[in-house]
Amino acid sequence: MADIALAADVSPMTVSRAFKSDSAVSEETRSKILAAAESLGYVLDSTASNLRSQKSDFVAVTIPSINNANFADTVAGLTEGLKARQLQILLGYTNYDIHEEERLIEQLLRRRPGAIVVTGGRHTERARRLLGNASIPVIETWDLPEAPIGHVVGFSNAAAVRGMVDHFVTQGLTRIAFIGGDADRDTRGTDRRAGFIAAMQAHGLSVSRLIAAGPPPISMREGAKAMGRLIDTMPDTEAVICVSDLSAFGAVTECQRRGIGVPGRYSIAGFGDYEIGAVSVPSLTTINPFPRDIGAKAAALILDVLDGRQIDAATLRIEPVLTIRESSR
């Protein structure tokens, strides 16, 4: 600020007031100061002013994967929703590891965010204590936890997959398999697997066709390998539900590689409504969880809490939609 004051021929106090839009500074002087700041490449350090005002200009967010289109859409919805208030996103990447999430939560809270958004509703006990004592809005997303820490914007992954099982059963398909990741890491995938098992049992069907595709995130490659194992070991399978559209696309391509028809021989479905599912051949039956809406609703809830319009814990439910395409017709 001293450098800018010298360049603009004003006092450092006038520079400080100009950046705070103080009415005591004329527009002519303010324009001269801002021009000097621009020419010097000056960026206002907001840390001190945040400490004085006890307000932060960023929201902390943790996501399991940075190359997952669904989570990217959620962050995009958050970013757009917070833009009007000039709140920025500080992103942490957990790699589907709740212990890494705990470490990130502690680091992010040290930076005094205005709010924190976490993916999923399962955390270590210490992470729950950190979030519960944070004295800022806490929003859990992509899940409906049994014991919410604060606010929730999400849906039941298990219920969504139950609808997919019902879709196949109404077509007369009873030998249905599920391809997913390691149950210990991907809690949303675990819930989808549980939903599959519950739905199959409700229909009186066998739940023996469970194929583990490895640690998450499950890629197209893992989906293809898992489908290959399924074909080799349980060739009488009629339908396959995959934990994501990426793994479902891999499963479809493995069938094509072997000259097996989809949906002629196998019906295949995914989860997430990724762009690849709409343009693949055949196009993929999937479940749309509206990831951008999750981010947008979380952003609106944060602004309501910060403005004092929403104090009590709120649960905003997202209703996923089954999208039936060529791969299961």
C-alpha atoms as a PDB file:
ATOM      1  CA  MET A   1       0.000   0.000   0.000  1.00  0.00           C
ATOM      2  CA  ALA A   2       2.930   2.333   0.644  1.00  0.00           C
ATOM      3  CA  ASP A   3       4.129   1.752  -2.938  1.00  0.00           C
ATOM      4  CA  ILE A   4       0.654   2.526  -4.302  1.00  0.00           C
ATOM      5  CA  ALA A   5       0.371   5.623  -2.109  1.00  0.00           C
ATOM      6  CA  LEU A   6       3.694   6.882  -3.474  1.00  0.00           C
ATOM      7  CA  ALA A   7       2.654   6.196  -7.078  1.00  0.00           C
ATOM      8  CA  ALA A   8      -0.766   7.846  -6.624  1.00  0.00           C
ATOM      9  CA  ASP A   9       0.590  10.715  -4.468  1.00  0.00           C
ATOM     10  CA  VAL A  10      -1.774   9.982  -1.579  1.00  0.00           C
ATOM     11  CA  SER A  11      -1.420   8.645   1.963  1.00  0.00           C
ATOM     12  CA  PRO A  12      -1.478   4.892   2.753  1.00  0.00           C
ATOM     13  CA  MET A  13      -4.675   5.480   4.761  1.00  0.00           C
ATOM     14  CA  THR A  14      -6.368   6.875   1.645  1.00  0.00           C
ATOM     15  CA  VAL A  15      -5.292   3.757  -0.263  1.00  0.00           C
ATOM     16  CA  SER A  16      -6.827   1.560   2.436  1.00  0.00           C
ATOM     17  CA  ARG A  17     -10.089   3.512   2.302  1.00  0.00           C
ATOM     18  CA  ALA A  18     -10.188   3.345  -1.484  1.00  0.00           C
ATOM     19  CA  PHE A  19     -10.070  -0.460  -1.416  1.00  0.00           C
ATOM     20  CA  LYS A  20     -12.924  -0.502   1.093  1.00  0.00           C
ATOM     21  CA  SER A  21     -15.019   1.881  -1.043  1.00  0.00           C
ATOM     22  CA  ASP A  22     -14.949   4.442   1.757  1.00  0.00           C
ATOM     23  CA  SER A  23     -17.277   7.349   0.906  1.00  0.00           C
ATOM     24  CA  ALA A  24     -14.651   9.778   2.167  1.00  0.00           C
ATOM     25  CA  VAL A  25     -12.528   9.045  -0.931  1.00  0.00           C
ATOM     26  CA  SER A  26     -13.597  10.811  -4.128  1.00  0.00           C
ATOM     27  CA  GLU A  27     -14.179   8.780  -7.274  1.00  0.00           C
ATOM     28  CA  GLU A  28     -11.336  10.641  -8.999  1.00  0.00           C
ATOM     29  CA  THR A  29      -8.874   9.716  -6.233  1.00  0.00           C
ATOM     30  CA  ARG A  30     -10.165   6.161  -6.057  1.00  0.00           C
ATOM     31  CA  SER A  31      -9.728   5.726  -9.821  1.00  0.00           C
ATOM     32  CA  LYS A  32      -6.171   7.044  -9.585  1.00  0.00           C
ATOM     33  CA  ILE A  33      -5.367   4.630  -6.739  1.00  0.00           C
ATOM     34  CA  LEU A  34      -6.888   1.620  -8.527  1.00  0.00           C
ATOM     35  CA  ALA A  35      -4.959   2.509 -11.688  1.00  0.00           C
ATOM     36  CA  ALA A  36      -1.724   2.649  -9.691  1.00  0.00           C
ATOM     37  CA  ALA A  37      -2.527  -0.718  -8.090  1.00  0.00           C
ATOM     38  CA  GLU A  38      -3.209  -2.247 -11.494  1.00  0.00           C
ATOM     39  CA  SER A  39       0.066  -0.962 -12.948  1.00  0.00           C
ATOM     40  CA  LEU A  40       2.018  -2.356  -9.970  1.00  0.00           C
ATOM     41  CA  GLY A  41       0.225  -5.734 -10.058  1.00  0.00           C
ATOM     42  CA  TYR A  42      -1.042  -5.301  -6.513  1.00  0.00           C
ATOM     43  CA  VAL A  43      -3.549  -7.821  -5.084  1.00  0.00           C
ATOM     44  CA  LEU A  44      -5.313  -6.958  -1.831  1.00  0.00           C
ATOM     45  CA  ASP A  45      -4.400  -9.326   1.018  1.00  0.00           C
ATOM     46  CA  SER A  46      -7.753 -10.064   2.656  1.00  0.00           C
ATOM     47  CA  THR A  47      -6.365 -12.048   5.609  1.00  0.00           C
ATOM     48  CA  ALA A  48      -6.093  -9.119   8.013  1.00  0.00           C
ATOM     49  CA  SER A  49      -9.487  -7.678   7.135  1.00  0.00           C
ATOM     50  CA  ASN A  50     -11.051 -11.154   7.519  1.00  0.00           C
ATOM     51  CA  LEU A  51      -9.568 -11.444  11.004  1.00  0.00           C
ATOM     52  CA  ARG A  52     -10.947  -8.040  11.972  1.00  0.00           C
ATOM     53  CA  SER A  53     -14.422  -8.704  10.590  1.00  0.00           C
ATOM     54  CA  GLN A  54     -14.523 -12.396  11.672  1.00  0.00           C
ATOM     55  CA  LYS A  55     -15.779 -13.169   8.142  1.00  0.00           C
ATOM     56  CA  SER A  56     -14.156 -15.325   5.481  1.00  0.00           C
ATOM     57  CA  ASP A  57     -14.277 -14.963   1.710  1.00  0.00           C
ATOM     58  CA  PHE A  58     -14.044 -18.679   0.902  1.00  0.00           C
ATOM     59  CA  VAL A  59     -15.910 -21.951   1.405  1.00  0.00           C
ATOM     60  CA  ALA A  60     -13.985 -25.198   1.989  1.00  0.00           C
ATOM     61  CA  VAL A  61     -15.056 -28.262  -0.026  1.00  0.00           C
ATOM     62  CA  THR A  62     -13.883 -31.878   0.039  1.00  0.00           C
ATOM     63  CA  ILE A  63     -14.536 -34.261  -2.867  1.00  0.00           C
ATOM     64  CA  PRO A  64     -13.388 -37.866  -3.390  1.00  0.00           C
ATOM     65  CA  SER A  65     -12.123 -37.438  -6.962  1.00  0.00           C
ATOM     66  CA  ILE A  66     -10.998 -34.547  -9.145  1.00  0.00           C
ATOM     67  CA  ASN A  67     -11.550 -36.402 -12.442  1.00  0.00           C
ATOM     68  CA  ASN A  68     -15.132 -37.473 -11.755  1.00  0.00           C
ATOM     69  CA  ALA A  69     -17.583 -35.489 -13.885  1.00  0.00           C
ATOM     70  CA  ASN A  70     -20.344 -35.734 -11.265  1.00  0.00           C
ATOM     71  CA  PHE A  71     -18.255 -34.186  -8.491  1.00  0.00           C
ATOM     72  CA  ALA A  72     -16.931 -31.590 -10.940  1.00  0.00           C
ATOM     73  CA  ASP A  73     -20.537 -30.613 -11.709  1.00  0.00           C
ATOM     74  CA  THR A  74     -21.300 -30.311  -7.997  1.00  0.00           C
ATOM     75  CA  VAL A  75     -18.322 -27.980  -7.517  1.00  0.00           C
ATOM     76  CA  ALA A  76     -19.478 -26.000 -10.571  1.00  0.00           C
ATOM     77  CA  GLY A  77     -22.953 -25.589  -9.049  1.00  0.00           C
ATOM     78  CA  LEU A  78     -21.399 -24.440  -5.775  1.00  0.00           C
ATOM     79  CA  THR A  79     -19.093 -21.995  -7.529  1.00  0.00           C
ATOM     80  CA  GLU A  80     -21.904 -20.449  -9.555  1.00  0.00           C
ATOM     81  CA  GLY A  81     -24.149 -20.160  -6.521  1.00  0.00           C
ATOM     82  CA  LEU A  82     -21.503 -18.424  -4.416  1.00  0.00           C
ATOM     83  CA  LYS A  83     -20.180 -16.138  -7.152  1.00  0.00           C
ATOM     84  CA  ALA A  84     -22.678 -13.335  -6.510  1.00  0.00           C
ATOM     85  CA  ARG A  85     -21.293 -12.982  -2.969  1.00  0.00           C
ATOM     86  CA  GLN A  86     -17.682 -13.219  -4.200  1.00  0.00           C
ATOM     87  CA  LEU A  87     -17.124 -16.347  -2.110  1.00  0.00           C
ATOM     88  CA  GLN A  88     -14.415 -18.619  -3.494  1.00  0.00           C
ATOM     89  CA  ILE A  89     -13.976 -22.401  -3.283  1.00  0.00           C
ATOM     90  CA  LEU A  90     -10.984 -23.963  -1.525  1.00  0.00           C
ATOM     91  CA  LEU A  91     -10.945 -27.584  -2.691  1.00  0.00           C
ATOM     92  CA  GLY A  92      -9.607 -30.678  -0.915  1.00  0.00           C
ATOM     93  CA  TYR A  93      -9.233 -34.084  -2.620  1.00  0.00           C
ATOM     94  CA  THR A  94      -9.774 -37.159  -0.395  1.00  0.00           C
ATOM     95  CA  ASN A  95      -9.224 -40.011  -2.895  1.00  0.00           C
ATOM     96  CA  TYR A  96     -12.117 -41.933  -1.285  1.00  0.00           C
ATOM     97  CA  ASP A  97     -10.167 -42.169   1.994  1.00  0.00           C
ATOM     98  CA  ILE A  98     -11.993 -41.046   5.162  1.00  0.00           C
ATOM     99  CA  HIS A  99      -8.691 -40.721   7.022  1.00  0.00           C
ATOM    100  CA  GLU A 100      -7.386 -38.379   4.338  1.00  0.00           C
ATOM    101  CA  GLU A 101     -10.690 -36.519   4.612  1.00  0.00           C
ATOM    102  CA  GLU A 102     -10.062 -36.103   8.359  1.00  0.00           C
ATOM    103  CA  ARG A 103      -6.619 -34.616   7.694  1.00  0.00           C
ATOM    104  CA  LEU A 104      -7.996 -32.240   5.070  1.00  0.00           C
ATOM    105  CA  ILE A 105     -10.879 -31.118   7.269  1.00  0.00           C
ATOM    106  CA  GLU A 106      -8.422 -30.152  10.020  1.00  0.00           C
ATOM    107  CA  GLN A 107      -6.221 -28.233   7.567  1.00  0.00           C
ATOM    108  CA  LEU A 108      -9.160 -26.465   5.949  1.00  0.00           C
ATOM    109  CA  LEU A 109     -10.700 -25.443   9.275  1.00  0.00           C
ATOM    110  CA  ARG A 110      -7.381 -23.873  10.317  1.00  0.00           C
ATOM    111  CA  ARG A 111      -7.901 -21.403   7.475  1.00  0.00           C
ATOM    112  CA  ARG A 112     -11.210 -20.236   9.002  1.00  0.00           C
ATOM    113  CA  PRO A 113     -13.579 -20.847   6.073  1.00  0.00           C
ATOM    114  CA  GLY A 114     -17.018 -19.304   6.049  1.00  0.00           C
ATOM    115  CA  ALA A 115     -18.563 -22.766   5.606  1.00  0.00           C
ATOM    116  CA  ILE A 116     -17.461 -26.301   4.784  1.00  0.00           C
ATOM    117  CA  VAL A 117     -19.040 -28.764   2.343  1.00  0.00           C
ATOM    118  CA  VAL A 118     -18.107 -32.457   2.536  1.00  0.00           C
ATOM    119  CA  THR A 119     -19.020 -35.319   0.221  1.00  0.00           C
ATOM    120  CA  GLY A 120     -20.890 -38.157   1.869  1.00  0.00           C
ATOM    121  CA  GLY A 121     -22.193 -38.753   5.363  1.00  0.00           C
ATOM    122  CA  ARG A 122     -19.620 -41.180   6.754  1.00  0.00           C
ATOM    123  CA  HIS A 123     -16.526 -39.799   8.471  1.00  0.00           C
ATOM    124  CA  THR A 124     -14.047 -40.755  11.165  1.00  0.00           C
ATOM    125  CA  GLU A 125     -15.115 -39.956  14.725  1.00  0.00           C
ATOM    126  CA  ARG A 126     -12.474 -37.255  14.932  1.00  0.00           C
ATOM    127  CA  ALA A 127     -13.633 -35.688  11.669  1.00  0.00           C
ATOM    128  CA  ARG A 128     -17.179 -35.588  13.056  1.00  0.00           C
ATOM    129  CA  ARG A 129     -15.924 -33.826  16.204  1.00  0.00           C
ATOM    130  CA  LEU A 130     -13.946 -31.312  14.146  1.00  0.00           C
ATOM    131  CA  LEU A 131     -16.968 -30.514  12.011  1.00  0.00           C
ATOM    132  CA  GLY A 132     -19.387 -30.464  14.935  1.00  0.00           C
ATOM    133  CA  ASN A 133     -17.242 -27.943  16.823  1.00  0.00           C
ATOM    134  CA  ALA A 134     -16.393 -25.773  13.813  1.00  0.00           C
ATOM    135  CA  SER A 135     -19.004 -23.063  14.579  1.00  0.00           C
ATOM    136  CA  ILE A 136     -19.591 -22.589  10.835  1.00  0.00           C
ATOM    137  CA  PRO A 137     -22.198 -24.034   8.457  1.00  0.00           C
ATOM    138  CA  VAL A 138     -21.412 -27.711   7.726  1.00  0.00           C
ATOM    139  CA  ILE A 139     -23.119 -29.325   4.732  1.00  0.00           C
ATOM    140  CA  GLU A 140     -22.928 -33.027   3.895  1.00  0.00           C
ATOM    141  CA  THR A 141     -23.722 -33.835   0.264  1.00  0.00           C
ATOM    142  CA  TRP A 142     -24.377 -36.834  -1.987  1.00  0.00           C
ATOM    143  CA  ASP A 143     -25.901 -38.837   0.850  1.00  0.00           C
ATOM    144  CA  LEU A 144     -28.664 -38.906   3.465  1.00  0.00           C
ATOM    145  CA  PRO A 145     -26.695 -39.690   6.653  1.00  0.00           C
ATOM    146  CA  GLU A 146     -28.490 -41.282   9.576  1.00  0.00           C
ATOM    147  CA  ALA A 147     -26.901 -38.813  12.008  1.00  0.00           C
ATOM    148  CA  PRO A 148     -26.303 -35.526  10.154  1.00  0.00           C
ATOM    149  CA  ILE A 149     -23.658 -33.191  11.568  1.00  0.00           C
ATOM    150  CA  GLY A 150     -25.400 -30.093  10.271  1.00  0.00           C
ATOM    151  CA  HIS A 151     -27.140 -29.497   6.968  1.00  0.00           C
ATOM    152  CA  VAL A 152     -27.621 -32.102   4.229  1.00  0.00           C
ATOM    153  CA  VAL A 153     -28.129 -31.882   0.468  1.00  0.00           C
ATOM    154  CA  GLY A 154     -28.335 -35.382  -0.952  1.00  0.00           C
ATOM    155  CA  PHE A 155     -30.244 -38.531  -1.831  1.00  0.00           C
ATOM    156  CA  SER A 156     -30.415 -42.229  -1.023  1.00  0.00           C
ATOM    157  CA  ASN A 157     -27.963 -44.099  -3.233  1.00  0.00           C
ATOM    158  CA  ALA A 158     -29.522 -47.384  -2.110  1.00  0.00           C
ATOM    159  CA  ALA A 159     -33.044 -46.336  -3.087  1.00  0.00           C
ATOM    160  CA  ALA A 160     -31.863 -45.135  -6.493  1.00  0.00           C
ATOM    161  CA  VAL A 161     -30.381 -48.551  -7.336  1.00  0.00           C
ATOM    162  CA  ARG A 162     -33.475 -50.334  -6.060  1.00  0.00           C
ATOM    163  CA  GLY A 163     -35.360 -48.543  -8.815  1.00  0.00           C
ATOM    164  CA  MET A 164     -32.881 -49.868 -11.363  1.00  0.00           C
ATOM    165  CA  VAL A 165     -33.395 -53.447 -10.145  1.00  0.00           C
ATOM    166  CA  ASP A 166     -37.157 -52.993 -10.414  1.00  0.00           C
ATOM    167  CA  HIS A 167     -36.708 -51.802 -14.013  1.00  0.00           C
ATOM    168  CA  PHE A 168     -34.898 -55.008 -14.977  1.00  0.00           C
ATOM    169  CA  VAL A 169     -37.294 -57.274 -13.096  1.00  0.00           C
ATOM    170  CA  THR A 170     -40.309 -55.766 -14.880  1.00  0.00           C
ATOM    171  CA  GLN A 171     -38.604 -56.795 -18.123  1.00  0.00           C
ATOM    172  CA  GLY A 172     -38.508 -60.385 -16.928  1.00  0.00           C
ATOM    173  CA  LEU A 173     -34.772 -60.347 -16.151  1.00  0.00           C
ATOM    174  CA  THR A 174     -33.920 -62.158 -12.922  1.00  0.00           C
ATOM    175  CA  ARG A 175     -30.232 -63.109 -13.163  1.00  0.00           C
ATOM    176  CA  ILE A 176     -28.847 -59.669 -12.379  1.00  0.00           C
ATOM    177  CA  ALA A 177     -25.254 -58.808 -11.413  1.00  0.00           C
ATOM    178  CA  PHE A 178     -23.678 -55.788  -9.734  1.00  0.00           C
ATOM    179  CA  ILE A 179     -20.211 -54.419 -10.580  1.00  0.00           C
ATOM    180  CA  GLY A 180     -18.717 -52.080  -7.973  1.00  0.00           C
ATOM    181  CA  GLY A 181     -15.570 -51.048  -6.114  1.00  0.00           C
ATOM    182  CA  ASP A 182     -14.116 -52.039  -2.781  1.00  0.00           C
ATOM    183  CA  ALA A 183     -16.825 -51.596  -0.183  1.00  0.00           C
ATOM    184  CA  ASP A 184     -14.460 -50.203   2.460  1.00  0.00           C
ATOM    185  CA  ARG A 185     -13.581 -47.026   0.528  1.00  0.00           C
ATOM    186  CA  ASP A 186     -16.460 -45.838  -1.651  1.00  0.00           C
ATOM    187  CA  THR A 187     -19.335 -45.334   0.792  1.00  0.00           C
ATOM    188  CA  ARG A 188     -21.734 -44.220  -1.940  1.00  0.00           C
ATOM    189  CA  GLY A 189     -20.815 -47.287  -3.973  1.00  0.00           C
ATOM    190  CA  THR A 190     -21.356 -49.390  -0.847  1.00  0.00           C
ATOM    191  CA  ASP A 191     -24.844 -47.930  -0.460  1.00  0.00           C
ATOM    192  CA  ARG A 192     -25.617 -48.692  -4.118  1.00  0.00           C
ATOM    193  CA  ARG A 193     -24.459 -52.262  -3.590  1.00  0.00           C
ATOM    194  CA  ALA A 194     -26.637 -52.514  -0.473  1.00  0.00           C
ATOM    195  CA  GLY A 195     -29.601 -51.166  -2.424  1.00  0.00           C
ATOM    196  CA  PHE A 196     -29.002 -53.803  -5.092  1.00  0.00           C
ATOM    197  CA  ILE A 197     -28.900 -56.595  -2.500  1.00  0.00           C
ATOM    198  CA  ALA A 198     -32.043 -55.362  -0.712  1.00  0.00           C
ATOM    199  CA  ALA A 199     -34.005 -55.047  -3.950  1.00  0.00           C
ATOM    200  CA  MET A 200     -32.944 -58.476  -5.194  1.00  0.00           C
ATOM    201  CA  GLN A 201     -33.905 -60.057  -1.879  1.00  0.00           C
ATOM    202  CA  ALA A 202     -37.257 -58.252  -1.940  1.00  0.00           C
ATOM    203  CA  HIS A 203     -37.942 -59.902  -5.311  1.00  0.00           C
ATOM    204  CA  GLY A 204     -36.785 -63.286  -3.985  1.00  0.00           C
ATOM    205  CA  LEU A 205     -33.765 -63.328  -6.309  1.00  0.00           C
ATOM    206  CA  SER A 206     -30.175 -64.491  -5.807  1.00  0.00           C
ATOM    207  CA  VAL A 207     -27.573 -61.908  -4.778  1.00  0.00           C
ATOM    208  CA  SER A 208     -24.582 -64.086  -5.657  1.00  0.00           C
ATOM    209  CA  ARG A 209     -23.547 -62.064  -8.734  1.00  0.00           C
ATOM    210  CA  LEU A 210     -21.417 -59.408  -7.023  1.00  0.00           C
ATOM    211  CA  ILE A 211     -18.245 -58.475  -8.916  1.00  0.00           C
ATOM    212  CA  ALA A 212     -15.585 -56.360  -7.152  1.00  0.00           C
ATOM    213  CA  ALA A 213     -13.765 -54.133  -9.629  1.00  0.00           C
ATOM    214  CA  GLY A 214     -10.978 -52.919  -7.318  1.00  0.00           C
ATOM    215  CA  PRO A 215     -10.340 -49.703  -5.361  1.00  0.00           C
ATOM    216  CA  PRO A 216     -12.297 -46.605  -6.403  1.00  0.00           C
ATOM    217  CA  PRO A 217     -12.568 -44.632  -8.529  1.00  0.00           C
ATOM    218  CA  ILE A 218     -13.679 -47.400 -10.902  1.00  0.00           C
ATOM    219  CA  SER A 219     -12.622 -46.539 -14.443  1.00  0.00           C
ATOM    220  CA  MET A 220     -13.683 -47.837 -17.846  1.00  0.00           C
ATOM    221  CA  ARG A 221     -10.728 -50.222 -17.765  1.00  0.00           C
ATOM    222  CA  GLU A 222     -11.806 -51.781 -14.445  1.00  0.00           C
ATOM    223  CA  GLY A 223     -15.376 -52.012 -15.700  1.00  0.00           C
ATOM    224  CA  ALA A 224     -14.215 -53.913 -18.772  1.00  0.00           C
ATOM    225  CA  LYS A 225     -12.095 -56.320 -16.702  1.00  0.00           C
ATOM    226  CA  ALA A 226     -14.946 -56.936 -14.256  1.00  0.00           C
ATOM    227  CA  MET A 227     -17.356 -57.631 -17.120  1.00  0.00           C
ATOM    228  CA  GLY A 228     -14.850 -60.068 -18.586  1.00  0.00           C
ATOM    229  CA  ARG A 229     -14.733 -61.981 -15.285  1.00  0.00           C
ATOM    230  CA  LEU A 230     -18.513 -61.991 -15.113  1.00  0.00           C
ATOM    231  CA  ILE A 231     -18.837 -63.400 -18.638  1.00  0.00           C
ATOM    232  CA  ASP A 232     -16.230 -66.075 -17.927  1.00  0.00           C
ATOM    233  CA  THR A 233     -17.620 -67.192 -14.568  1.00  0.00           C
ATOM    234  CA  MET A 234     -21.378 -66.509 -14.804  1.00  0.00           C
ATOM    235  CA  PRO A 235     -22.244 -66.444 -18.509  1.00  0.00           C
ATOM    236  CA  ASP A 236     -25.948 -67.029 -17.836  1.00  0.00           C
ATOM    237  CA  THR A 237     -26.259 -63.511 -16.351  1.00  0.00           C
ATOM    238  CA  GLU A 238     -28.981 -61.469 -18.047  1.00  0.00           C
ATOM    239  CA  ALA A 239     -28.465 -57.921 -16.737  1.00  0.00           C
ATOM    240  CA  VAL A 240     -25.653 -55.934 -15.120  1.00  0.00           C
ATOM    241  CA  ILE A 241     -25.880 -52.846 -12.904  1.00  0.00           C
ATOM    242  CA  CYS A 242     -22.596 -50.930 -12.658  1.00  0.00           C
ATOM    243  CA  VAL A 243     -21.623 -48.534  -9.882  1.00  0.00           C
ATOM    244  CA  SER A 244     -21.001 -45.731 -12.416  1.00  0.00           C
ATOM    245  CA  ASP A 245     -21.427 -44.881 -16.084  1.00  0.00           C
ATOM    246  CA  LEU A 246     -17.675 -45.167 -16.617  1.00  0.00           C
ATOM    247  CA  SER A 247     -17.604 -48.779 -15.437  1.00  0.00           C
ATOM    248  CA  ALA A 248     -20.779 -49.466 -17.438  1.00  0.00           C
ATOM    249  CA  PHE A 249     -19.150 -48.087 -20.591  1.00  0.00           C
ATOM    250  CA  GLY A 250     -16.192 -50.382 -19.965  1.00  0.00           C
ATOM    251  CA  ALA A 251     -18.564 -53.333 -19.552  1.00  0.00           C
ATOM    252  CA  VAL A 252     -20.293 -52.540 -22.843  1.00  0.00           C
ATOM    253  CA  THR A 253     -16.995 -52.270 -24.725  1.00  0.00           C
ATOM    254  CA  GLU A 254     -15.855 -55.642 -23.314  1.00  0.00           C
ATOM    255  CA  CYS A 255     -19.032 -57.194 -24.722  1.00  0.00           C
ATOM    256  CA  GLN A 256     -18.368 -55.540 -28.074  1.00  0.00           C
ATOM    257  CA  ARG A 257     -14.776 -56.806 -28.004  1.00  0.00           C
ATOM    258  CA  ARG A 258     -16.115 -60.354 -27.606  1.00  0.00           C
ATOM    259  CA  GLY A 259     -18.861 -59.937 -30.172  1.00  0.00           C
ATOM    260  CA  ILE A 260     -21.608 -60.147 -27.544  1.00  0.00           C
ATOM    261  CA  GLY A 261     -24.754 -58.096 -28.127  1.00  0.00           C
ATOM    262  CA  VAL A 262     -25.906 -55.350 -25.774  1.00  0.00           C
ATOM    263  CA  PRO A 263     -28.807 -55.334 -25.110  1.00  0.00           C
ATOM    264  CA  GLY A 264     -29.311 -58.517 -27.145  1.00  0.00           C
ATOM    265  CA  ARG A 265     -27.414 -60.830 -24.801  1.00  0.00           C
ATOM    266  CA  TYR A 266     -26.850 -58.607 -21.757  1.00  0.00           C
ATOM    267  CA  SER A 267     -28.682 -55.538 -20.529  1.00  0.00           C
ATOM    268  CA  ILE A 268     -26.263 -53.072 -18.882  1.00  0.00           C
ATOM    269  CA  ALA A 269     -26.890 -49.935 -16.804  1.00  0.00           C
ATOM    270  CA  GLY A 270     -24.718 -47.382 -15.025  1.00  0.00           C
ATOM    271  CA  PHE A 271     -25.061 -44.531 -12.554  1.00  0.00           C
ATOM    272  CA  GLY A 272     -24.400 -40.796 -12.868  1.00  0.00           C
ATOM    273  CA  ASP A 273     -25.744 -39.825 -16.299  1.00  0.00           C
ATOM    274  CA  TYR A 274     -22.288 -38.898 -17.609  1.00  0.00           C
ATOM    275  CA  GLU A 275     -22.025 -37.368 -21.064  1.00  0.00           C
ATOM    276  CA  ILE A 276     -20.318 -40.512 -22.361  1.00  0.00           C
ATOM    277  CA  GLY A 277     -23.427 -42.540 -21.555  1.00  0.00           C
ATOM    278  CA  ALA A 278     -25.632 -40.435 -23.805  1.00  0.00           C
ATOM    279  CA  VAL A 279     -23.325 -40.618 -26.842  1.00  0.00           C
ATOM    280  CA  SER A 280     -22.037 -44.198 -26.539  1.00  0.00           C
ATOM    281  CA  VAL A 281     -23.315 -46.953 -28.838  1.00  0.00           C
ATOM    282  CA  PRO A 282     -25.536 -48.284 -27.459  1.00  0.00           C
ATOM    283  CA  SER A 283     -26.468 -45.354 -25.240  1.00  0.00           C
ATOM    284  CA  LEU A 284     -26.446 -46.215 -21.535  1.00  0.00           C
ATOM    285  CA  THR A 285     -29.384 -46.652 -19.218  1.00  0.00           C
ATOM    286  CA  THR A 286     -28.436 -44.734 -16.088  1.00  0.00           C
ATOM    287  CA  ILE A 287     -29.553 -42.799 -13.024  1.00  0.00           C
ATOM    288  CA  ASN A 288     -29.290 -39.011 -13.032  1.00  0.00           C
ATOM    289  CA  PRO A 289     -28.497 -37.731  -9.509  1.00  0.00           C
ATOM    290  CA  PHE A 290     -28.479 -34.065 -10.645  1.00  0.00           C
ATOM    291  CA  PRO A 291     -24.977 -33.286  -9.342  1.00  0.00           C
ATOM    292  CA  ARG A 292     -25.042 -29.611 -10.347  1.00  0.00           C
ATOM    293  CA  ASP A 293     -28.297 -29.140  -8.447  1.00  0.00           C
ATOM    294  CA  ILE A 294     -26.611 -30.595  -5.342  1.00  0.00           C
ATOM    295  CA  GLY A 295     -23.958 -27.885  -5.561  1.00  0.00           C
ATOM    296  CA  ALA A 296     -26.462 -25.124  -6.325  1.00  0.00           C
ATOM    297  CA  LYS A 297     -28.723 -26.074  -3.397  1.00  0.00           C
ATOM    298  CA  ALA A 298     -25.723 -26.307  -1.064  1.00  0.00           C
ATOM    299  CA  ALA A 299     -24.620 -22.814  -2.147  1.00  0.00           C
ATOM    300  CA  ALA A 300     -28.106 -21.374  -1.566  1.00  0.00           C
ATOM    301  CA  LEU A 301     -28.233 -22.994   1.870  1.00  0.00           C
ATOM    302  CA  ILE A 302     -24.827 -21.538   2.782  1.00  0.00           C
ATOM    303  CA  LEU A 303     -25.954 -18.038   1.821  1.00  0.00           C
ATOM    304  CA  ASP A 304     -29.189 -18.444   3.802  1.00  0.00           C
ATOM    305  CA  VAL A 305     -27.268 -19.477   6.926  1.00  0.00           C
ATOM    306  CA  LEU A 306     -24.662 -16.722   6.560  1.00  0.00           C
ATOM    307  CA  ASP A 307     -27.467 -14.176   6.161  1.00  0.00           C
ATOM    308  CA  GLY A 308     -29.342 -15.532   9.185  1.00  0.00           C
ATOM    309  CA  ARG A 309     -32.305 -16.806   7.184  1.00  0.00           C
ATOM    310  CA  GLN A 310     -31.665 -20.489   7.951  1.00  0.00           C
ATOM    311  CA  ILE A 311     -30.377 -21.437  11.376  1.00  0.00           C
ATOM    312  CA  ASP A 312     -31.873 -24.868  12.136  1.00  0.00           C
ATOM    313  CA  ALA A 313     -30.339 -27.913  10.444  1.00  0.00           C
ATOM    314  CA  ALA A 314     -31.966 -28.559   7.080  1.00  0.00           C
ATOM    315  CA  THR A 315     -32.127 -31.637   4.846  1.00  0.00           C
ATOM    316  CA  LEU A 316     -32.688 -30.895   1.173  1.00  0.00           C
ATOM    317  CA  ARG A 317     -33.511 -34.080  -0.722  1.00  0.00           C
ATOM    318  CA  ILE A 318     -32.535 -34.643  -4.336  1.00  0.00           C
ATOM    319  CA  GLU A 319     -34.687 -37.108  -6.295  1.00  0.00           C
ATOM    320  CA  PRO A 320     -32.567 -39.061  -8.821  1.00  0.00           C
ATOM    321  CA  VAL A 321     -34.252 -40.051 -12.075  1.00  0.00           C
ATOM    322  CA  LEU A 322     -33.944 -43.355 -13.943  1.00  0.00           C
ATOM    323  CA  THR A 323     -33.088 -42.675 -17.598  1.00  0.00           C
ATOM    324  CA  ILE A 324     -33.795 -45.687 -19.801  1.00  0.00           C
ATOM    325  CA  ARG A 325     -31.709 -45.874 -22.995  1.00  0.00           C
ATOM    326  CA  GLU A 326     -30.648 -48.448 -25.568  1.00  0.00           C
ATOM    327  CA  SER A 327     -28.408 -50.600 -23.361  1.00  0.00           C
ATOM    328  CA  SER A 328     -31.381 -52.063 -21.459  1.00  0.00           C
ATOM    329  CA  ARG A 329     -34.134 -52.079 -24.051  1.00  0.00           C
END
